[in-house]
């Protein structure tokens, strides 16, 4: 508890939505989840 990361990055299919590299809806939660996670990304 209390650890504050300097950098937060995402990998995997959902990360393509987090960073705006994939615009298509592929029939799952990926697009909505990526958009919800995007504010957590830190450091590019």
ModelCIF file with pLDDT and N, C-alpha, C, O atoms, coordinates in Angstrom:
data_MODEL
#
_entry.id   MODEL 
#
_entity.id                         1 
_entity.type                       polymer 
_entity.pdbx_number_of_molecules   1 
#
_entity_poly.entity_id                      1 
_entity_poly.type                           'polypeptide(L)' 
_entity_poly.nstd_linkage                   no 
_entity_poly.nstd_monomer                   no 
_entity_poly.pdbx_seq_one_letter_code       
;(UNK)(UNK)(UNK)(UNK)(UNK)(UNK)(UNK)(UNK)(UNK)(UNK)(UNK)(UNK)(UNK)(UNK)(UNK)(UNK)
(UNK)(UNK)(UNK)(UNK)(UNK)(UNK)(UNK)(UNK)(UNK)(UNK)(UNK)(UNK)(UNK)(UNK)(UNK)(UNK)
(UNK)(UNK)(UNK)(UNK)(UNK)(UNK)(UNK)(UNK)(UNK)(UNK)(UNK)(UNK)
;
_entity_poly.pdbx_seq_one_letter_code_can   XXXXXXXXXXXXXXXXXXXXXXXXXXXXXXXXXXXXXXXXXXXX 
_entity_poly.pdbx_strand_id                 A 
#
loop_
_entity_poly_seq.entity_id 
_entity_poly_seq.num 
_entity_poly_seq.mon_id 
_entity_poly_seq.hetero 
1 1  UNK n 
1 2  UNK n 
1 3  UNK n 
1 4  UNK n 
1 5  UNK n 
1 6  UNK n 
1 7  UNK n 
1 8  UNK n 
1 9  UNK n 
1 10 UNK n 
1 11 UNK n 
1 12 UNK n 
1 13 UNK n 
1 14 UNK n 
1 15 UNK n 
1 16 UNK n 
1 17 UNK n 
1 18 UNK n 
1 19 UNK n 
1 20 UNK n 
1 21 UNK n 
1 22 UNK n 
1 23 UNK n 
1 24 UNK n 
1 25 UNK n 
1 26 UNK n 
1 27 UNK n 
1 28 UNK n 
1 29 UNK n 
1 30 UNK n 
1 31 UNK n 
1 32 UNK n 
1 33 UNK n 
1 34 UNK n 
1 35 UNK n 
1 36 UNK n 
1 37 UNK n 
1 38 UNK n 
1 39 UNK n 
1 40 UNK n 
1 41 UNK n 
1 42 UNK n 
1 43 UNK n 
1 44 UNK n 
#
_struct_asym.id          A 
_struct_asym.entity_id   1 
#
loop_
_ma_qa_metric.id 
_ma_qa_metric.mode 
_ma_qa_metric.name 
_ma_qa_metric.software_group_id 
_ma_qa_metric.type 
1 global pLDDT . pLDDT 
2 local  pLDDT . pLDDT 
#
_ma_qa_metric_global.metric_id      1 
_ma_qa_metric_global.metric_value   90.86 
_ma_qa_metric_global.model_id       1 
_ma_qa_metric_global.ordinal_id     1 
#
loop_
_ma_qa_metric_local.label_asym_id 
_ma_qa_metric_local.label_comp_id 
_ma_qa_metric_local.label_seq_id 
_ma_qa_metric_local.metric_id 
_ma_qa_metric_local.metric_value 
_ma_qa_metric_local.model_id 
_ma_qa_metric_local.ordinal_id 
A UNK 1  2 90.00 1 1  
A UNK 2  2 84.00 1 2  
A UNK 3  2 80.00 1 3  
A UNK 4  2 82.00 1 4  
A UNK 5  2 86.00 1 5  
A UNK 6  2 89.00 1 6  
A UNK 7  2 91.00 1 7  
A UNK 8  2 93.00 1 8  
A UNK 9  2 91.00 1 9  
A UNK 10 2 91.00 1 10 
A UNK 11 2 86.00 1 11 
A UNK 12 2 84.00 1 12 
A UNK 13 2 86.00 1 13 
A UNK 14 2 91.00 1 14 
A UNK 15 2 91.00 1 15 
A UNK 16 2 90.00 1 16 
A UNK 17 2 93.00 1 17 
A UNK 18 2 94.00 1 18 
A UNK 19 2 92.00 1 19 
A UNK 20 2 90.00 1 20 
A UNK 21 2 89.00 1 21 
A UNK 22 2 89.00 1 22 
A UNK 23 2 90.00 1 23 
A UNK 24 2 92.00 1 24 
A UNK 25 2 92.00 1 25 
A UNK 26 2 89.00 1 26 
A UNK 27 2 89.00 1 27 
A UNK 28 2 91.00 1 28 
A UNK 29 2 93.00 1 29 
A UNK 30 2 93.00 1 30 
A UNK 31 2 95.00 1 31 
A UNK 32 2 96.00 1 32 
A UNK 33 2 96.00 1 33 
A UNK 34 2 96.00 1 34 
A UNK 35 2 96.00 1 35 
A UNK 36 2 97.00 1 36 
A UNK 37 2 96.00 1 37 
A UNK 38 2 96.00 1 38 
A UNK 39 2 95.00 1 39 
A UNK 40 2 95.00 1 40 
A UNK 41 2 94.00 1 41 
A UNK 42 2 92.00 1 42 
A UNK 43 2 88.00 1 43 
A UNK 44 2 85.00 1 44 
#
loop_
_atom_site.group_PDB 
_atom_site.id 
_atom_site.type_symbol 
_atom_site.label_atom_id 
_atom_site.label_alt_id 
_atom_site.label_comp_id 
_atom_site.label_asym_id 
_atom_site.label_entity_id 
_atom_site.label_seq_id 
_atom_site.pdbx_PDB_ins_code 
_atom_site.Cartn_x 
_atom_site.Cartn_y 
_atom_site.Cartn_z 
_atom_site.occupancy 
_atom_site.B_iso_or_equiv 
_atom_site.pdbx_formal_charge 
_atom_site.auth_seq_id 
_atom_site.auth_comp_id 
_atom_site.auth_asym_id 
_atom_site.auth_atom_id 
_atom_site.pdbx_PDB_model_num 
ATOM 1   N N  . UNK A 1 1  ? 0.836   -1.203 0.000   1.00 90.00 ? 1  UNK A N  1 
ATOM 2   C CA . UNK A 1 1  ? 0.000   0.000  0.000   1.00 90.00 ? 1  UNK A CA 1 
ATOM 3   C C  . UNK A 1 1  ? 0.868   1.248  0.000   1.00 90.00 ? 1  UNK A C  1 
ATOM 4   O O  . UNK A 1 1  ? 1.919   1.283  0.640   1.00 90.00 ? 1  UNK A O  1 
ATOM 5   N N  . UNK A 1 2  ? 0.427   2.263  -0.715  1.00 84.00 ? 2  UNK A N  1 
ATOM 6   C CA . UNK A 1 2  ? 1.111   3.551  -0.703  1.00 84.00 ? 2  UNK A CA 1 
ATOM 7   C C  . UNK A 1 2  ? 2.171   3.737  -1.767  1.00 84.00 ? 2  UNK A C  1 
ATOM 8   O O  . UNK A 1 2  ? 2.695   4.840  -1.918  1.00 84.00 ? 2  UNK A O  1 
ATOM 9   N N  . UNK A 1 3  ? 2.508   2.682  -2.519  1.00 80.00 ? 3  UNK A N  1 
ATOM 10  C CA . UNK A 1 3  ? 3.513   2.837  -3.578  1.00 80.00 ? 3  UNK A CA 1 
ATOM 11  C C  . UNK A 1 3  ? 2.942   3.699  -4.702  1.00 80.00 ? 3  UNK A C  1 
ATOM 12  O O  . UNK A 1 3  ? 1.815   3.484  -5.146  1.00 80.00 ? 3  UNK A O  1 
ATOM 13  N N  . UNK A 1 4  ? 3.712   4.658  -5.151  1.00 82.00 ? 4  UNK A N  1 
ATOM 14  C CA . UNK A 1 4  ? 3.259   5.550  -6.215  1.00 82.00 ? 4  UNK A CA 1 
ATOM 15  C C  . UNK A 1 4  ? 4.185   5.384  -7.417  1.00 82.00 ? 4  UNK A C  1 
ATOM 16  O O  . UNK A 1 4  ? 5.313   5.875  -7.389  1.00 82.00 ? 4  UNK A O  1 
ATOM 17  N N  . UNK A 1 5  ? 3.735   4.702  -8.473  1.00 86.00 ? 5  UNK A N  1 
ATOM 18  C CA . UNK A 1 5  ? 4.615   4.464  -9.618  1.00 86.00 ? 5  UNK A CA 1 
ATOM 19  C C  . UNK A 1 5  ? 4.927   5.745  -10.388 1.00 86.00 ? 5  UNK A C  1 
ATOM 20  O O  . UNK A 1 5  ? 4.077   6.623  -10.539 1.00 86.00 ? 5  UNK A O  1 
ATOM 21  N N  . UNK A 1 6  ? 6.155   5.830  -10.867 1.00 89.00 ? 6  UNK A N  1 
ATOM 22  C CA . UNK A 1 6  ? 6.546   6.968  -11.705 1.00 89.00 ? 6  UNK A CA 1 
ATOM 23  C C  . UNK A 1 6  ? 6.043   6.803  -13.133 1.00 89.00 ? 6  UNK A C  1 
ATOM 24  O O  . UNK A 1 6  ? 5.819   7.785  -13.840 1.00 89.00 ? 6  UNK A O  1 
ATOM 25  N N  . UNK A 1 7  ? 5.869   5.562  -13.547 1.00 91.00 ? 7  UNK A N  1 
ATOM 26  C CA . UNK A 1 7  ? 5.469   5.291  -14.921 1.00 91.00 ? 7  UNK A CA 1 
ATOM 27  C C  . UNK A 1 7  ? 4.503   4.108  -14.928 1.00 91.00 ? 7  UNK A C  1 
ATOM 28  O O  . UNK A 1 7  ? 4.734   3.108  -14.248 1.00 91.00 ? 7  UNK A O  1 
ATOM 29  N N  . UNK A 1 8  ? 3.443   4.222  -15.683 1.00 93.00 ? 8  UNK A N  1 
ATOM 30  C CA . UNK A 1 8  ? 2.467   3.140  -15.816 1.00 93.00 ? 8  UNK A CA 1 
ATOM 31  C C  . UNK A 1 8  ? 2.254   2.883  -17.298 1.00 93.00 ? 8  UNK A C  1 
ATOM 32  O O  . UNK A 1 8  ? 1.811   3.771  -18.027 1.00 93.00 ? 8  UNK A O  1 
ATOM 33  N N  . UNK A 1 9  ? 2.564   1.683  -17.746 1.00 91.00 ? 9  UNK A N  1 
ATOM 34  C CA . UNK A 1 9  ? 2.345   1.318  -19.142 1.00 91.00 ? 9  UNK A CA 1 
ATOM 35  C C  . UNK A 1 9  ? 1.466   0.075  -19.216 1.00 91.00 ? 9  UNK A C  1 
ATOM 36  O O  . UNK A 1 9  ? 1.372   -0.693 -18.259 1.00 91.00 ? 9  UNK A O  1 
ATOM 37  N N  . UNK A 1 10 ? 0.837   -0.107 -20.342 1.00 91.00 ? 10 UNK A N  1 
ATOM 38  C CA . UNK A 1 10 ? -0.051  -1.242 -20.554 1.00 91.00 ? 10 UNK A CA 1 
ATOM 39  C C  . UNK A 1 10 ? 0.433   -2.049 -21.752 1.00 91.00 ? 10 UNK A C  1 
ATOM 40  O O  . UNK A 1 10 ? 0.998   -1.500 -22.699 1.00 91.00 ? 10 UNK A O  1 
ATOM 41  N N  . UNK A 1 11 ? 0.205   -3.360 -21.698 1.00 86.00 ? 11 UNK A N  1 
ATOM 42  C CA . UNK A 1 11 ? 0.521   -4.217 -22.832 1.00 86.00 ? 11 UNK A CA 1 
ATOM 43  C C  . UNK A 1 11 ? -0.654  -5.137 -23.084 1.00 86.00 ? 11 UNK A C  1 
ATOM 44  O O  . UNK A 1 11 ? -1.590  -5.204 -22.287 1.00 86.00 ? 11 UNK A O  1 
ATOM 45  N N  . UNK A 1 12 ? -0.596  -5.845 -24.203 1.00 84.00 ? 12 UNK A N  1 
ATOM 46  C CA . UNK A 1 12 ? -1.703  -6.722 -24.560 1.00 84.00 ? 12 UNK A CA 1 
ATOM 47  C C  . UNK A 1 12 ? -2.680  -6.031 -25.494 1.00 84.00 ? 12 UNK A C  1 
ATOM 48  O O  . UNK A 1 12 ? -2.509  -4.862 -25.838 1.00 84.00 ? 12 UNK A O  1 
ATOM 49  N N  . UNK A 1 13 ? -3.701  -6.763 -25.898 1.00 86.00 ? 13 UNK A N  1 
ATOM 50  C CA . UNK A 1 13 ? -4.650  -6.243 -26.875 1.00 86.00 ? 13 UNK A CA 1 
ATOM 51  C C  . UNK A 1 13 ? -5.356  -4.977 -26.429 1.00 86.00 ? 13 UNK A C  1 
ATOM 52  O O  . UNK A 1 13 ? -5.554  -4.058 -27.223 1.00 86.00 ? 13 UNK A O  1 
ATOM 53  N N  . UNK A 1 14 ? -5.740  -4.927 -25.142 1.00 91.00 ? 14 UNK A N  1 
ATOM 54  C CA . UNK A 1 14 ? -6.465  -3.750 -24.652 1.00 91.00 ? 14 UNK A CA 1 
ATOM 55  C C  . UNK A 1 14 ? -5.588  -2.500 -24.711 1.00 91.00 ? 14 UNK A C  1 
ATOM 56  O O  . UNK A 1 14 ? -6.100  -1.392 -24.871 1.00 91.00 ? 14 UNK A O  1 
ATOM 57  N N  . UNK A 1 15 ? -4.266  -2.671 -24.582 1.00 91.00 ? 15 UNK A N  1 
ATOM 58  C CA . UNK A 1 15 ? -3.395  -1.501 -24.627 1.00 91.00 ? 15 UNK A CA 1 
ATOM 59  C C  . UNK A 1 15 ? -3.459  -0.788 -25.970 1.00 91.00 ? 15 UNK A C  1 
ATOM 60  O O  . UNK A 1 15 ? -3.183  0.409  -26.051 1.00 91.00 ? 15 UNK A O  1 
ATOM 61  N N  . UNK A 1 16 ? -3.819  -1.509 -27.014 1.00 90.00 ? 16 UNK A N  1 
ATOM 62  C CA . UNK A 1 16 ? -3.964  -0.858 -28.319 1.00 90.00 ? 16 UNK A CA 1 
ATOM 63  C C  . UNK A 1 16 ? -5.055  0.209  -28.279 1.00 90.00 ? 16 UNK A C  1 
ATOM 64  O O  . UNK A 1 16 ? -4.973  1.214  -28.985 1.00 90.00 ? 16 UNK A O  1 
ATOM 65  N N  . UNK A 1 17 ? -6.072  -0.010 -27.452 1.00 93.00 ? 17 UNK A N  1 
ATOM 66  C CA . UNK A 1 17 ? -7.119  1.002  -27.265 1.00 93.00 ? 17 UNK A CA 1 
ATOM 67  C C  . UNK A 1 17 ? -6.663  2.097  -26.305 1.00 93.00 ? 17 UNK A C  1 
ATOM 68  O O  . UNK A 1 17 ? -6.992  3.267  -26.496 1.00 93.00 ? 17 UNK A O  1 
ATOM 69  N N  . UNK A 1 18 ? -5.902  1.718  -25.266 1.00 94.00 ? 18 UNK A N  1 
ATOM 70  C CA . UNK A 1 18 ? -5.424  2.706  -24.300 1.00 94.00 ? 18 UNK A CA 1 
ATOM 71  C C  . UNK A 1 18 ? -4.630  3.794  -25.008 1.00 94.00 ? 18 UNK A C  1 
ATOM 72  O O  . UNK A 1 18 ? -4.776  4.977  -24.698 1.00 94.00 ? 18 UNK A O  1 
ATOM 73  N N  . UNK A 1 19 ? -3.787  3.394  -25.963 1.00 92.00 ? 19 UNK A N  1 
ATOM 74  C CA . UNK A 1 19 ? -2.910  4.345  -26.640 1.00 92.00 ? 19 UNK A CA 1 
ATOM 75  C C  . UNK A 1 19 ? -3.448  4.787  -28.001 1.00 92.00 ? 19 UNK A C  1 
ATOM 76  O O  . UNK A 1 19 ? -2.744  5.456  -28.758 1.00 92.00 ? 19 UNK A O  1 
ATOM 77  N N  . UNK A 1 20 ? -4.682  4.421  -28.313 1.00 90.00 ? 20 UNK A N  1 
ATOM 78  C CA . UNK A 1 20 ? -5.306  4.905  -29.535 1.00 90.00 ? 20 UNK A CA 1 
ATOM 79  C C  . UNK A 1 20 ? -4.762  4.304  -30.806 1.00 90.00 ? 20 UNK A C  1 
ATOM 80  O O  . UNK A 1 20 ? -4.906  4.893  -31.878 1.00 90.00 ? 20 UNK A O  1 
ATOM 81  N N  . UNK A 1 21 ? -4.129  3.122  -30.713 1.00 89.00 ? 21 UNK A N  1 
ATOM 82  C CA . UNK A 1 21 ? -3.584  2.500  -31.919 1.00 89.00 ? 21 UNK A CA 1 
ATOM 83  C C  . UNK A 1 21 ? -4.607  1.615  -32.623 1.00 89.00 ? 21 UNK A C  1 
ATOM 84  O O  . UNK A 1 21 ? -4.406  1.242  -33.779 1.00 89.00 ? 21 UNK A O  1 
ATOM 85  N N  . UNK A 1 22 ? -5.700  1.274  -31.946 1.00 89.00 ? 22 UNK A N  1 
ATOM 86  C CA . UNK A 1 22 ? -6.743  0.433  -32.526 1.00 89.00 ? 22 UNK A CA 1 
ATOM 87  C C  . UNK A 1 22 ? -8.094  1.110  -32.325 1.00 89.00 ? 22 UNK A C  1 
ATOM 88  O O  . UNK A 1 22 ? -8.530  1.259  -31.183 1.00 89.00 ? 22 UNK A O  1 
ATOM 89  N N  . UNK A 1 23 ? -8.777  1.528  -33.402 1.00 90.00 ? 23 UNK A N  1 
ATOM 90  C CA . UNK A 1 23 ? -10.066 2.226  -33.252 1.00 90.00 ? 23 UNK A CA 1 
ATOM 91  C C  . UNK A 1 23 ? -11.286 1.314  -33.359 1.00 90.00 ? 23 UNK A C  1 
ATOM 92  O O  . UNK A 1 23 ? -12.393 1.733  -33.019 1.00 90.00 ? 23 UNK A O  1 
ATOM 93  N N  . UNK A 1 24 ? -11.106 0.070  -33.827 1.00 92.00 ? 24 UNK A N  1 
ATOM 94  C CA . UNK A 1 24 ? -12.262 -0.771 -34.137 1.00 92.00 ? 24 UNK A CA 1 
ATOM 95  C C  . UNK A 1 24 ? -12.843 -1.429 -32.890 1.00 92.00 ? 24 UNK A C  1 
ATOM 96  O O  . UNK A 1 24 ? -12.131 -1.710 -31.927 1.00 92.00 ? 24 UNK A O  1 
ATOM 97  N N  . UNK A 1 25 ? -14.139 -1.664 -32.932 1.00 92.00 ? 25 UNK A N  1 
ATOM 98  C CA . UNK A 1 25 ? -14.809 -2.464 -31.911 1.00 92.00 ? 25 UNK A CA 1 
ATOM 99  C C  . UNK A 1 25 ? -14.787 -3.908 -32.399 1.00 92.00 ? 25 UNK A C  1 
ATOM 100 O O  . UNK A 1 25 ? -15.296 -4.212 -33.478 1.00 92.00 ? 25 UNK A O  1 
ATOM 101 N N  . UNK A 1 26 ? -14.185 -4.811 -31.589 1.00 89.00 ? 26 UNK A N  1 
ATOM 102 C CA . UNK A 1 26 ? -13.989 -6.188 -32.023 1.00 89.00 ? 26 UNK A CA 1 
ATOM 103 C C  . UNK A 1 26 ? -14.936 -7.157 -31.322 1.00 89.00 ? 26 UNK A C  1 
ATOM 104 O O  . UNK A 1 26 ? -14.660 -8.354 -31.240 1.00 89.00 ? 26 UNK A O  1 
ATOM 105 N N  . UNK A 1 27 ? -16.054 -6.634 -30.817 1.00 89.00 ? 27 UNK A N  1 
ATOM 106 C CA . UNK A 1 27 ? -17.066 -7.522 -30.275 1.00 89.00 ? 27 UNK A CA 1 
ATOM 107 C C  . UNK A 1 27 ? -16.849 -7.943 -28.842 1.00 89.00 ? 27 UNK A C  1 
ATOM 108 O O  . UNK A 1 27 ? -17.479 -8.893 -28.378 1.00 89.00 ? 27 UNK A O  1 
ATOM 109 N N  . UNK A 1 28 ? -15.961 -7.252 -28.120 1.00 91.00 ? 28 UNK A N  1 
ATOM 110 C CA . UNK A 1 28 ? -15.754 -7.574 -26.707 1.00 91.00 ? 28 UNK A CA 1 
ATOM 111 C C  . UNK A 1 28 ? -15.666 -6.286 -25.903 1.00 91.00 ? 28 UNK A C  1 
ATOM 112 O O  . UNK A 1 28 ? -16.048 -5.223 -26.393 1.00 91.00 ? 28 UNK A O  1 
ATOM 113 N N  . UNK A 1 29 ? -15.168 -6.369 -24.682 1.00 93.00 ? 29 UNK A N  1 
ATOM 114 C CA . UNK A 1 29 ? -15.067 -5.177 -23.828 1.00 93.00 ? 29 UNK A CA 1 
ATOM 115 C C  . UNK A 1 29 ? -13.805 -4.361 -24.105 1.00 93.00 ? 29 UNK A C  1 
ATOM 116 O O  . UNK A 1 29 ? -13.576 -3.347 -23.447 1.00 93.00 ? 29 UNK A O  1 
ATOM 117 N N  . UNK A 1 30 ? -12.992 -4.782 -25.058 1.00 93.00 ? 30 UNK A N  1 
ATOM 118 C CA . UNK A 1 30 ? -11.694 -4.150 -25.261 1.00 93.00 ? 30 UNK A CA 1 
ATOM 119 C C  . UNK A 1 30 ? -11.733 -2.649 -25.436 1.00 93.00 ? 30 UNK A C  1 
ATOM 120 O O  . UNK A 1 30 ? -10.984 -1.929 -24.776 1.00 93.00 ? 30 UNK A O  1 
ATOM 121 N N  . UNK A 1 31 ? -12.600 -2.161 -26.324 1.00 95.00 ? 31 UNK A N  1 
ATOM 122 C CA . UNK A 1 31 ? -12.648 -0.726 -26.615 1.00 95.00 ? 31 UNK A CA 1 
ATOM 123 C C  . UNK A 1 31 ? -13.084 0.057  -25.381 1.00 95.00 ? 31 UNK A C  1 
ATOM 124 O O  . UNK A 1 31 ? -12.439 1.037  -25.009 1.00 95.00 ? 31 UNK A O  1 
ATOM 125 N N  . UNK A 1 32 ? -14.175 -0.368 -24.745 1.00 96.00 ? 32 UNK A N  1 
ATOM 126 C CA . UNK A 1 32 ? -14.658 0.346  -23.560 1.00 96.00 ? 32 UNK A CA 1 
ATOM 127 C C  . UNK A 1 32 ? -13.642 0.278  -22.420 1.00 96.00 ? 32 UNK A C  1 
ATOM 128 O O  . UNK A 1 32 ? -13.435 1.261  -21.709 1.00 96.00 ? 32 UNK A O  1 
ATOM 129 N N  . UNK A 1 33 ? -13.010 -0.883 -22.246 1.00 96.00 ? 33 UNK A N  1 
ATOM 130 C CA . UNK A 1 33 ? -12.040 -1.036 -21.166 1.00 96.00 ? 33 UNK A CA 1 
ATOM 131 C C  . UNK A 1 33 ? -10.806 -0.182 -21.425 1.00 96.00 ? 33 UNK A C  1 
ATOM 132 O O  . UNK A 1 33 ? -10.288 0.454  -20.507 1.00 96.00 ? 33 UNK A O  1 
ATOM 133 N N  . UNK A 1 34 ? -10.332 -0.165 -22.670 1.00 96.00 ? 34 UNK A N  1 
ATOM 134 C CA . UNK A 1 34 ? -9.176  0.662  -22.998 1.00 96.00 ? 34 UNK A CA 1 
ATOM 135 C C  . UNK A 1 34 ? -9.433  2.128  -22.727 1.00 96.00 ? 34 UNK A C  1 
ATOM 136 O O  . UNK A 1 34 ? -8.562  2.826  -22.207 1.00 96.00 ? 34 UNK A O  1 
ATOM 137 N N  . UNK A 1 35 ? -10.621 2.603  -23.073 1.00 96.00 ? 35 UNK A N  1 
ATOM 138 C CA . UNK A 1 35 ? -10.959 4.005  -22.828 1.00 96.00 ? 35 UNK A CA 1 
ATOM 139 C C  . UNK A 1 35 ? -11.045 4.304  -21.336 1.00 96.00 ? 35 UNK A C  1 
ATOM 140 O O  . UNK A 1 35 ? -10.679 5.393  -20.894 1.00 96.00 ? 35 UNK A O  1 
ATOM 141 N N  . UNK A 1 36 ? -11.538 3.319  -20.548 1.00 97.00 ? 36 UNK A N  1 
ATOM 142 C CA . UNK A 1 36 ? -11.627 3.523  -19.103 1.00 97.00 ? 36 UNK A CA 1 
ATOM 143 C C  . UNK A 1 36 ? -10.259 3.489  -18.436 1.00 97.00 ? 36 UNK A C  1 
ATOM 144 O O  . UNK A 1 36 ? -10.043 4.145  -17.417 1.00 97.00 ? 36 UNK A O  1 
ATOM 145 N N  . UNK A 1 37 ? -9.333  2.721  -19.014 1.00 96.00 ? 37 UNK A N  1 
ATOM 146 C CA . UNK A 1 37 ? -7.991  2.603  -18.443 1.00 96.00 ? 37 UNK A CA 1 
ATOM 147 C C  . UNK A 1 37 ? -7.060  3.730  -18.855 1.00 96.00 ? 37 UNK A C  1 
ATOM 148 O O  . UNK A 1 37 ? -6.071  3.990  -18.171 1.00 96.00 ? 37 UNK A O  1 
ATOM 149 N N  . UNK A 1 38 ? -7.356  4.399  -19.952 1.00 96.00 ? 38 UNK A N  1 
ATOM 150 C CA . UNK A 1 38 ? -6.445  5.406  -20.500 1.00 96.00 ? 38 UNK A CA 1 
ATOM 151 C C  . UNK A 1 38 ? -6.005  6.444  -19.468 1.00 96.00 ? 38 UNK A C  1 
ATOM 152 O O  . UNK A 1 38 ? -4.831  6.817  -19.467 1.00 96.00 ? 38 UNK A O  1 
ATOM 153 N N  . UNK A 1 39 ? -6.898  6.934  -18.580 1.00 95.00 ? 39 UNK A N  1 
ATOM 154 C CA . UNK A 1 39 ? -6.443  7.936  -17.600 1.00 95.00 ? 39 UNK A CA 1 
ATOM 155 C C  . UNK A 1 39 ? -5.398  7.403  -16.614 1.00 95.00 ? 39 UNK A C  1 
ATOM 156 O O  . UNK A 1 39 ? -4.709  8.197  -15.973 1.00 95.00 ? 39 UNK A O  1 
ATOM 157 N N  . UNK A 1 40 ? -5.262  6.065  -16.475 1.00 95.00 ? 40 UNK A N  1 
ATOM 158 C CA . UNK A 1 40 ? -4.276  5.507  -15.553 1.00 95.00 ? 40 UNK A CA 1 
ATOM 159 C C  . UNK A 1 40 ? -2.871  5.481  -16.143 1.00 95.00 ? 40 UNK A C  1 
ATOM 160 O O  . UNK A 1 40 ? -1.890  5.409  -15.402 1.00 95.00 ? 40 UNK A O  1 
ATOM 161 N N  . UNK A 1 41 ? -2.766  5.540  -17.473 1.00 94.00 ? 41 UNK A N  1 
ATOM 162 C CA . UNK A 1 41 ? -1.452  5.483  -18.120 1.00 94.00 ? 41 UNK A CA 1 
ATOM 163 C C  . UNK A 1 41 ? -0.651  6.723  -17.744 1.00 94.00 ? 41 UNK A C  1 
ATOM 164 O O  . UNK A 1 41 ? -1.189  7.827  -17.658 1.00 94.00 ? 41 UNK A O  1 
ATOM 165 N N  . UNK A 1 42 ? 0.638   6.520  -17.521 1.00 92.00 ? 42 UNK A N  1 
ATOM 166 C CA . UNK A 1 42 ? 1.490   7.627  -17.085 1.00 92.00 ? 42 UNK A CA 1 
ATOM 167 C C  . UNK A 1 42 ? 2.861   7.471  -17.708 1.00 92.00 ? 42 UNK A C  1 
ATOM 168 O O  . UNK A 1 42 ? 3.460   6.399  -17.624 1.00 92.00 ? 42 UNK A O  1 
ATOM 169 N N  . UNK A 1 43 ? 3.362   8.510  -18.324 1.00 88.00 ? 43 UNK A N  1 
ATOM 170 C CA . UNK A 1 43 ? 4.710   8.476  -18.871 1.00 88.00 ? 43 UNK A CA 1 
ATOM 171 C C  . UNK A 1 43 ? 4.783   8.175  -20.349 1.00 88.00 ? 43 UNK A C  1 
ATOM 172 O O  . UNK A 1 43 ? 5.877   7.982  -20.878 1.00 88.00 ? 43 UNK A O  1 
ATOM 173 N N  . UNK A 1 44 ? 3.642   8.128  -21.042 1.00 85.00 ? 44 UNK A N  1 
ATOM 174 C CA . UNK A 1 44 ? 3.658   7.891  -22.477 1.00 85.00 ? 44 UNK A CA 1 
ATOM 175 C C  . UNK A 1 44 ? 3.652   6.421  -22.818 1.00 85.00 ? 44 UNK A C  1 
ATOM 176 O O  . UNK A 1 44 ? 3.664   6.060  -23.995 1.00 85.00 ? 44 UNK A O  1 
#
